[in-house]
Structure formats: structure tokens, C-alpha cells
Amino acid sequence: MRLRAVRSEADAEAAGLVLDPKSGGRWTQDASPEAEWLAERYLPLCLAGPRVAFAQLGQSLDGFIATRTGDADYVTGEEDRSHLHHLRALADAVVVGAGTAVADDPQLTVRACAGANPVRVVLDPRGRVPLGRQVFTDGSAPTLWVVGADSGRDKSVPDGVEVLTLPDQDAFAPGRLLDSLARRGLGRVLIEGGGVTVSRFLHEQALDRLYVTVAPVLIGDGVPGLRFAGRPVMRDALRPPVRRAFLGEDTLFELDLRAT
């Protein structure tokens, strides 16, 4: 995907792309409908710079990302899964919390589109994620296992897995984590899950962009998506600039949090 190399307006110009304030992005030469859609949808993210934190959640109309048993297979449709893989392809690193790694056993690789796999980052302060999970065993991409100093985890891990031990809970703060990743050359970071981790980054104002895909389904009770300490009056609620797109039956909302 040519968009992956775009991190500045000069890169975009060299690739034959221009930013359109209304539509997003477009090619300066004839392109296929798919290429046109990709430019429209993802060029603004590419031009957000070499260091940007963005998150994605897929949820029901009533705000759940899984049923009460944890079943999330699948809340949103195939087009949203393709969108998620495009976001992975544009990221240097993809971050999940320990709960997601345990419950979902995700691969966190790029399979539904062209692109290289990002570094997989597992936030696990207590070192509770079993070593049998795919991110540790499949060898598809490098994995950074971020654990606490008192987690009891040693350095005996499979090839392709690096343990990063942080000294205390404060070092797990979203801003400090992003600084640590940036020092490793991982500036474009996708916060993929779960809801607790994404909500924490949002609450700490550590996200530049937030993608929320809403499926026309009602779960009734389950694992919530975004939950954070809100404002007491409606007029002070977060209302960032938004772009919308249809992904099959689902609706994608892209929120520009830098503008809030």
C-alpha cells in the first residue's frame, strides 16, 4: 500500500496524492475506485505526522464490543475488519491490553490487505498473559511484552519476543508508554483494544484520532466499549470534528481529537 510511506505533504506529492479538506485525499492521476477510497479514507491519518496515536473500536448500537460472555466474533462486519487491517498496515506498532490478549488471543497481523505487520505490543503489568498466546508463538511479527517490575516474568521468551520491564505503574501511563515506543522508532501507534485500554488512552488525552465503527445490532448487556470520566454538563462533552463512512451495514466515525 503506497499510502504507508506517506508521512508528510512532500511524501504525498511524490506519491501523486493531495489532501482535500472536504473529501480527505485524492490521487492527481487516474486511479481505481478502491485506490480512490483508500486515499479518501486514510490520507489524513498518514499526514498526521510520523508520531501519531490512533485507536479503533467496533461496537453495537448500544455501546458494547462483546456479549456478557466475552463473545465478539463478530460485532461488526467484514468491511470493518478490512478497515482494521488497513489501520494495522499504517501503524509501526499495535497495542493491546492483557485482557484482550488473554480473552481474544489475537494475531494483530495484516492479512486482509497489503502491508507489513506492525510490532505487536502487549501491555501486561502483572505478567498474566500465557506464553502460549499467538502473539508470542506464531513468529509472524516482533512482539514487545511490556510488564511490571514485580510481574515475576524472566527473560525466557520465544524468539521474536522482547520483554520490556517498566519500573512502576506510573511508567504505564499512556503518554509515557508512547514516549517509550517512540524512542524505539515506533511513532505511529494503533491502540486496538480492548475497551478499557482505549478508554484509558482517551481519558488521558493521549489519542490523536479515534475510529469507532457502529454495527446495527443490539446486544443488551455485555463488555462496554468506551467508558471514561465525562463532563457533568452536556455542553462540555467532547465534540471533535468527525468524518463518517459506510462500511457495508456498519457506520464508521473518525474523530479528530487533536482539534479538541
Foldseek 3Di string as FASTA:
>chain_A
DQLLPQFAQVSQVVVQKDQDPVQGIAGNDDDDPVVRVCRSPPNVVSPVHLAAEEEEAEEAPVFACAAAVRHPVDQDDPLVVLVQLVLQQNFQEEEEELVCCARPLDQQARDNDDHGGHEYEYEEAQQPRDLPRNSQPVPRAAYEYEYEPNNPDDQPGDPRYGYHYDDDPVCVQLVNVCVVCVVVVGRGYYYYDDQVRVQRCVQSLNHQKYKYKYAHDDNPHHHGHHDDDADPDPVRGDDADWDWDDRDRIIMIMGGSVRD
